N, C-alpha and C. Protein backbone atom coordinates (compact mmCIF):
# COMPACT_ATOMS: atom_id res chain seq x y z
N GLN A 1 91.54 110.37 111.23
CA GLN A 1 90.20 110.00 111.59
C GLN A 1 89.60 110.97 112.60
N LEU A 2 90.04 112.20 112.57
CA LEU A 2 89.49 113.20 113.48
C LEU A 2 88.27 113.85 112.84
N ASP A 3 87.26 114.09 113.67
CA ASP A 3 86.06 114.77 113.21
C ASP A 3 86.35 116.25 113.01
N ARG A 4 85.74 116.85 112.00
CA ARG A 4 85.97 118.27 111.69
C ARG A 4 85.59 119.17 112.84
N THR A 5 84.48 118.89 113.51
CA THR A 5 84.05 119.72 114.63
C THR A 5 85.05 119.63 115.77
N PHE A 6 85.50 118.43 116.08
CA PHE A 6 86.50 118.23 117.13
C PHE A 6 87.78 118.96 116.78
N MET A 7 88.24 118.81 115.54
CA MET A 7 89.49 119.43 115.12
C MET A 7 89.37 120.96 115.15
N LEU A 8 88.26 121.49 114.70
CA LEU A 8 88.04 122.94 114.75
C LEU A 8 88.15 123.44 116.19
N GLY A 9 87.53 122.74 117.10
CA GLY A 9 87.61 123.13 118.50
C GLY A 9 89.02 123.11 119.03
N LYS A 10 89.78 122.07 118.70
CA LYS A 10 91.16 121.97 119.16
C LYS A 10 92.02 123.11 118.61
N VAL A 11 91.90 123.37 117.31
CA VAL A 11 92.71 124.41 116.68
C VAL A 11 92.37 125.78 117.25
N LEU A 12 91.08 126.07 117.35
CA LEU A 12 90.68 127.37 117.89
C LEU A 12 91.06 127.51 119.36
N ALA A 13 90.87 126.46 120.13
CA ALA A 13 91.20 126.52 121.55
C ALA A 13 92.68 126.80 121.76
N GLU A 14 93.52 126.26 120.89
CA GLU A 14 94.97 126.48 121.02
C GLU A 14 95.40 127.84 120.49
N ASN A 15 94.78 128.28 119.40
CA ASN A 15 95.23 129.50 118.73
C ASN A 15 94.45 130.76 119.13
N ASN A 16 93.21 130.59 119.53
CA ASN A 16 92.41 131.74 119.91
C ASN A 16 91.39 131.29 120.97
N PRO A 17 91.86 131.07 122.19
CA PRO A 17 90.98 130.53 123.24
C PRO A 17 89.75 131.40 123.51
N ASP A 18 89.91 132.71 123.39
CA ASP A 18 88.76 133.59 123.64
C ASP A 18 87.67 133.39 122.59
N LEU A 19 88.09 133.25 121.34
CA LEU A 19 87.11 133.00 120.27
C LEU A 19 86.41 131.67 120.48
N TRP A 20 87.19 130.62 120.82
CA TRP A 20 86.58 129.31 121.04
C TRP A 20 85.63 129.34 122.23
N ALA A 21 85.99 130.08 123.27
CA ALA A 21 85.11 130.21 124.44
C ALA A 21 83.80 130.87 124.04
N ALA A 22 83.87 131.89 123.20
CA ALA A 22 82.65 132.58 122.76
C ALA A 22 81.79 131.67 121.89
N ILE A 23 82.42 130.95 120.96
CA ILE A 23 81.67 130.03 120.10
C ILE A 23 81.03 128.93 120.95
N SER A 24 81.79 128.38 121.87
CA SER A 24 81.26 127.31 122.73
C SER A 24 80.11 127.79 123.59
N ALA A 25 80.21 129.03 124.08
CA ALA A 25 79.14 129.57 124.92
C ALA A 25 77.84 129.72 124.14
N VAL A 26 77.96 130.10 122.87
CA VAL A 26 76.76 130.30 122.05
C VAL A 26 76.28 129.01 121.41
N MET A 27 77.21 128.20 120.93
CA MET A 27 76.85 127.03 120.13
C MET A 27 77.18 125.70 120.79
N GLY A 28 77.63 125.71 122.03
CA GLY A 28 78.13 124.51 122.68
C GLY A 28 77.24 123.30 122.60
N ASP A 29 75.94 123.49 122.76
CA ASP A 29 75.04 122.34 122.72
C ASP A 29 74.71 121.90 121.30
N ARG A 30 75.21 122.61 120.31
CA ARG A 30 74.97 122.25 118.91
C ARG A 30 76.22 121.72 118.21
N LEU A 31 77.36 121.79 118.89
CA LEU A 31 78.62 121.33 118.31
C LEU A 31 78.81 119.86 118.62
N VAL A 32 78.40 119.01 117.70
CA VAL A 32 78.54 117.58 117.89
C VAL A 32 79.32 117.01 116.70
N THR A 33 80.06 115.95 116.97
CA THR A 33 80.79 115.29 115.90
C THR A 33 79.84 114.39 115.11
N ALA A 34 80.30 113.93 113.97
CA ALA A 34 79.49 113.02 113.15
C ALA A 34 79.17 111.74 113.92
N ASN A 35 80.13 111.24 114.69
CA ASN A 35 79.89 110.03 115.48
C ASN A 35 78.91 110.27 116.61
N GLU A 36 78.98 111.45 117.25
CA GLU A 36 78.01 111.79 118.29
C GLU A 36 76.61 111.90 117.69
N LEU A 37 76.52 112.48 116.50
CA LEU A 37 75.23 112.61 115.83
C LEU A 37 74.65 111.23 115.50
N ALA A 38 75.50 110.30 115.09
CA ALA A 38 75.05 108.93 114.81
C ALA A 38 74.53 108.27 116.08
N LEU A 39 75.20 108.50 117.20
CA LEU A 39 74.74 107.96 118.48
C LEU A 39 73.39 108.55 118.87
N ILE A 40 73.23 109.83 118.64
CA ILE A 40 71.94 110.48 118.92
C ILE A 40 70.84 109.83 118.09
N ALA A 41 71.13 109.55 116.83
CA ALA A 41 70.13 108.91 115.97
C ALA A 41 69.75 107.52 116.49
N VAL A 42 70.75 106.77 116.97
CA VAL A 42 70.48 105.44 117.53
C VAL A 42 69.57 105.56 118.75
N ILE A 43 69.89 106.51 119.62
CA ILE A 43 69.10 106.70 120.84
C ILE A 43 67.68 107.12 120.50
N ARG A 44 67.53 108.05 119.56
CA ARG A 44 66.19 108.50 119.17
C ARG A 44 65.37 107.35 118.61
N THR A 45 66.01 106.51 117.81
CA THR A 45 65.30 105.37 117.24
C THR A 45 64.90 104.39 118.35
N ALA A 46 65.84 104.11 119.24
CA ALA A 46 65.56 103.16 120.32
C ALA A 46 64.45 103.65 121.25
N LEU A 47 64.38 104.96 121.45
CA LEU A 47 63.37 105.52 122.35
C LEU A 47 62.11 105.95 121.60
N ASP A 48 62.04 105.62 120.31
CA ASP A 48 60.88 105.91 119.49
C ASP A 48 60.46 107.38 119.58
N GLY A 49 61.47 108.26 119.60
CA GLY A 49 61.20 109.69 119.59
C GLY A 49 60.86 110.30 120.94
N HIS A 50 60.78 109.48 121.98
CA HIS A 50 60.47 110.02 123.31
C HIS A 50 61.72 110.69 123.90
N ASP A 51 61.52 111.83 124.51
CA ASP A 51 62.63 112.56 125.12
C ASP A 51 62.79 112.10 126.56
N VAL A 52 63.66 111.13 126.76
CA VAL A 52 63.87 110.52 128.07
C VAL A 52 65.16 111.05 128.67
N ASP A 53 65.14 111.42 129.93
CA ASP A 53 66.36 111.86 130.61
C ASP A 53 67.15 110.61 131.00
N LEU A 54 68.01 110.19 130.09
CA LEU A 54 68.75 108.95 130.29
C LEU A 54 69.68 109.02 131.50
N ALA A 55 70.21 110.19 131.79
CA ALA A 55 71.10 110.33 132.95
C ALA A 55 70.38 110.03 134.25
N GLN A 56 69.06 110.19 134.26
CA GLN A 56 68.27 109.92 135.46
C GLN A 56 67.62 108.54 135.44
N SER A 57 67.80 107.81 134.34
CA SER A 57 67.21 106.48 134.24
C SER A 57 68.04 105.49 135.06
N PRO A 58 67.37 104.70 135.89
CA PRO A 58 68.09 103.76 136.75
C PRO A 58 69.01 102.82 135.96
N GLY A 59 70.25 102.79 136.35
CA GLY A 59 71.20 101.85 135.76
C GLY A 59 71.79 102.24 134.43
N PHE A 60 71.25 103.27 133.78
CA PHE A 60 71.73 103.62 132.44
C PHE A 60 73.20 104.01 132.46
N MET A 61 73.57 104.94 133.32
CA MET A 61 74.96 105.40 133.36
C MET A 61 75.89 104.29 133.81
N GLN A 62 75.45 103.46 134.76
CA GLN A 62 76.30 102.36 135.24
C GLN A 62 76.53 101.33 134.14
N THR A 63 75.58 101.18 133.24
CA THR A 63 75.72 100.25 132.13
C THR A 63 76.54 100.87 131.00
N LEU A 64 76.30 102.14 130.73
CA LEU A 64 76.93 102.81 129.60
C LEU A 64 78.42 103.08 129.82
N MET A 65 78.79 103.54 130.99
CA MET A 65 80.17 103.99 131.21
C MET A 65 81.22 102.90 130.99
N PRO A 66 81.03 101.68 131.48
CA PRO A 66 82.03 100.64 131.20
C PRO A 66 82.17 100.36 129.70
N ALA A 67 81.07 100.39 128.97
CA ALA A 67 81.14 100.16 127.53
C ALA A 67 81.91 101.28 126.84
N LEU A 68 81.63 102.52 127.21
CA LEU A 68 82.33 103.65 126.62
C LEU A 68 83.82 103.61 126.97
N LYS A 69 84.14 103.24 128.19
CA LYS A 69 85.54 103.15 128.59
C LYS A 69 86.27 102.09 127.77
N ALA A 70 85.63 100.94 127.57
CA ALA A 70 86.24 99.87 126.77
C ALA A 70 86.47 100.32 125.33
N ILE A 71 85.51 101.02 124.77
CA ILE A 71 85.65 101.52 123.40
C ILE A 71 86.79 102.53 123.33
N PHE A 72 86.85 103.44 124.31
CA PHE A 72 87.90 104.44 124.33
C PHE A 72 89.28 103.79 124.46
N GLU A 73 89.42 102.83 125.35
CA GLU A 73 90.71 102.17 125.55
C GLU A 73 91.14 101.45 124.27
N ARG A 74 90.20 100.84 123.58
CA ARG A 74 90.53 100.16 122.32
C ARG A 74 91.01 101.16 121.27
N GLN A 75 90.31 102.28 121.14
CA GLN A 75 90.71 103.31 120.17
C GLN A 75 92.07 103.90 120.52
N LYS A 76 92.31 104.11 121.82
CA LYS A 76 93.59 104.65 122.26
C LYS A 76 94.72 103.67 121.92
N ALA A 77 94.50 102.39 122.12
CA ALA A 77 95.50 101.38 121.80
C ALA A 77 95.74 101.31 120.29
N LEU A 78 94.69 101.40 119.50
CA LEU A 78 94.85 101.40 118.04
C LEU A 78 95.65 102.61 117.58
N ALA A 79 95.37 103.77 118.16
CA ALA A 79 96.10 104.99 117.79
C ALA A 79 97.57 104.87 118.18
N ALA A 80 97.84 104.34 119.36
CA ALA A 80 99.22 104.16 119.80
C ALA A 80 99.96 103.19 118.89
N ALA A 81 99.30 102.11 118.49
CA ALA A 81 99.91 101.14 117.59
C ALA A 81 100.21 101.77 116.23
N ALA A 82 99.30 102.59 115.74
CA ALA A 82 99.51 103.26 114.47
C ALA A 82 100.69 104.22 114.55
N LEU A 83 100.82 104.93 115.66
CA LEU A 83 101.96 105.83 115.84
C LEU A 83 103.27 105.07 115.92
N GLU A 84 103.26 103.92 116.59
CA GLU A 84 104.47 103.08 116.67
C GLU A 84 104.90 102.62 115.28
N ARG A 85 103.94 102.17 114.48
CA ARG A 85 104.26 101.71 113.12
C ARG A 85 104.81 102.86 112.30
N HIS A 86 104.26 104.05 112.49
CA HIS A 86 104.70 105.22 111.76
C HIS A 86 106.13 105.60 112.13
N ASP A 87 106.47 105.46 113.40
CA ASP A 87 107.81 105.82 113.89
C ASP A 87 108.89 104.84 113.46
N GLU A 88 108.49 103.62 113.15
CA GLU A 88 109.47 102.59 112.79
C GLU A 88 109.96 102.78 111.41
């Protein structure tokens, strides 16, 4: 369940860090995963196309970070459980 963009970055960073650094420097703000792109679409829809600096919006980061942490911890636990089942 790894995104192609994420996997490309990992492989290049491990095998050719200089190449990945150059690609990231040029394309860094355009390298998004499919899930990140979906989140961008949700935000654009919710903001009706307005370009709002969400990082500067009061309370946004304080509200968002706990939700993201909970999602991450759940995914990490699911991945660990899948690895355990695989090892058995």
